[in-house]
């Protein structure tokens, strides 16, 4: 859940130069995170997921799809899982306090 919040905050700090371009921070290009892309130079099916999530947090779904076609499904699934975990934590904390 903390990673989800951190990615939402990061969406405002990083520079997105385009759905297929690299991410920059403070004008400096960040290296690719994908091991397949680093070793082979080719994109894997999940390449662009980080950029896609950043675009989804910026409410730019078209750019997210351009970055990674699976991103809307992945983002929705991740959101559901994170919210479900947050609800479970709140219910557990409330149950402990009422004892």
Protein backbone atom coordinates (compact mmCIF):
# COMPACT_ATOMS: atom_id res chain seq x y z
CA UNK A 1 0.00 0.00 0.00
CA UNK A 2 2.89 2.34 0.78
CA UNK A 3 4.38 1.67 -2.66
CA UNK A 4 1.06 2.59 -4.27
CA UNK A 5 1.02 5.92 -2.40
CA UNK A 6 4.68 6.53 -3.27
CA UNK A 7 3.98 5.95 -6.96
CA UNK A 8 1.07 8.41 -6.81
CA UNK A 9 3.37 11.04 -5.29
CA UNK A 10 6.11 10.25 -7.80
CA UNK A 11 3.69 10.87 -10.67
CA UNK A 12 3.91 14.56 -9.79
CA UNK A 13 7.70 14.65 -9.36
CA UNK A 14 8.93 12.93 -12.50
CA UNK A 15 8.97 14.24 -16.05
CA UNK A 16 7.19 12.02 -18.56
CA UNK A 17 8.45 12.89 -22.01
CA UNK A 18 6.13 10.55 -23.88
CA UNK A 19 4.54 7.11 -23.59
CA UNK A 20 7.53 5.37 -25.23
CA UNK A 21 10.31 7.61 -23.91
CA UNK A 22 12.25 7.23 -20.70
CA UNK A 23 11.36 8.85 -17.40
CA UNK A 24 13.38 11.84 -16.17
CA UNK A 25 13.83 13.28 -12.71
CA UNK A 26 15.23 16.79 -12.36
CA UNK A 27 16.13 16.79 -16.05
CA UNK A 28 18.21 13.60 -15.74
CA UNK A 29 17.10 10.48 -17.61
CA UNK A 30 16.49 7.49 -15.35
CA UNK A 31 17.77 4.10 -16.54
CA UNK A 32 15.30 1.39 -17.57
CA UNK A 33 14.24 -0.90 -14.73
CA UNK A 34 13.50 -3.95 -16.89
CA UNK A 35 16.20 -6.64 -16.73
CA UNK A 36 15.13 -8.07 -20.09
CA UNK A 37 15.42 -4.68 -21.75
CA UNK A 38 18.78 -4.04 -20.07
CA UNK A 39 20.27 -7.37 -21.17
CA UNK A 40 18.68 -7.85 -24.62
CA UNK A 41 17.69 -4.33 -25.65
CA UNK A 42 14.17 -5.56 -26.46
CA UNK A 43 10.98 -4.64 -24.65
CA UNK A 44 9.15 -7.32 -22.67
CA UNK A 45 5.33 -7.46 -22.30
CA UNK A 46 5.48 -5.49 -19.05
CA UNK A 47 7.81 -2.75 -20.33
CA UNK A 48 6.14 0.61 -19.93
CA UNK A 49 4.18 -0.42 -16.84
CA UNK A 50 5.86 2.15 -14.60
CA UNK A 51 5.17 4.93 -17.09
CA UNK A 52 1.61 3.63 -17.55
CA UNK A 53 0.93 3.73 -13.80
CA UNK A 54 2.35 7.24 -13.58
CA UNK A 55 0.05 8.30 -16.42
CA UNK A 56 -2.94 6.65 -14.72
CA UNK A 57 -2.21 8.61 -11.53
CA UNK A 58 -2.10 11.76 -13.67
CA UNK A 59 -5.50 10.80 -15.11
CA UNK A 60 -4.08 10.37 -18.63
CA UNK A 61 -5.42 6.92 -19.59
CA UNK A 62 -4.69 7.28 -23.32
CA UNK A 63 -1.00 7.84 -22.66
CA UNK A 64 -1.09 4.95 -20.20
CA UNK A 65 -2.42 2.63 -22.91
CA UNK A 66 0.23 3.91 -25.32
CA UNK A 67 2.93 3.12 -22.73
CA UNK A 68 1.57 -0.38 -22.03
CA UNK A 69 -1.60 -1.80 -23.51
CA UNK A 70 -2.35 -3.91 -20.41
CA UNK A 71 -2.11 -0.95 -18.02
CA UNK A 72 -5.82 -0.20 -17.43
CA UNK A 73 -6.50 -3.79 -16.39
CA UNK A 74 -3.34 -3.97 -14.26
CA UNK A 75 -4.04 -0.60 -12.65
CA UNK A 76 -7.65 -1.52 -11.83
CA UNK A 77 -6.62 -4.88 -10.37
CA UNK A 78 -3.85 -3.29 -8.30
CA UNK A 79 -6.23 -0.61 -7.03
CA UNK A 80 -8.76 -3.23 -5.94
CA UNK A 81 -6.09 -5.30 -4.16
CA UNK A 82 -4.66 -2.25 -2.36
CA UNK A 83 -8.09 -1.00 -1.27
CA UNK A 84 -9.08 -4.46 -0.08
CA UNK A 85 -5.89 -4.73 1.98
CA UNK A 86 -6.50 -1.27 3.46
CA UNK A 87 -10.06 -2.21 4.47
CA UNK A 88 -8.83 -5.44 6.08
CA UNK A 89 -6.21 -3.53 8.07
CA UNK A 90 -8.79 -1.00 9.26
CA UNK A 91 -11.23 -3.73 10.28
CA UNK A 92 -8.50 -5.60 12.15
CA UNK A 93 -7.37 -2.42 13.94
CA UNK A 94 -10.96 -1.57 14.90
CA UNK A 95 -11.54 -5.11 16.21
CA UNK A 96 -8.40 -4.91 18.39
CA UNK A 97 -9.47 -1.58 19.88
CA UNK A 98 -12.93 -2.81 20.77
CA UNK A 99 -11.59 -5.71 22.87
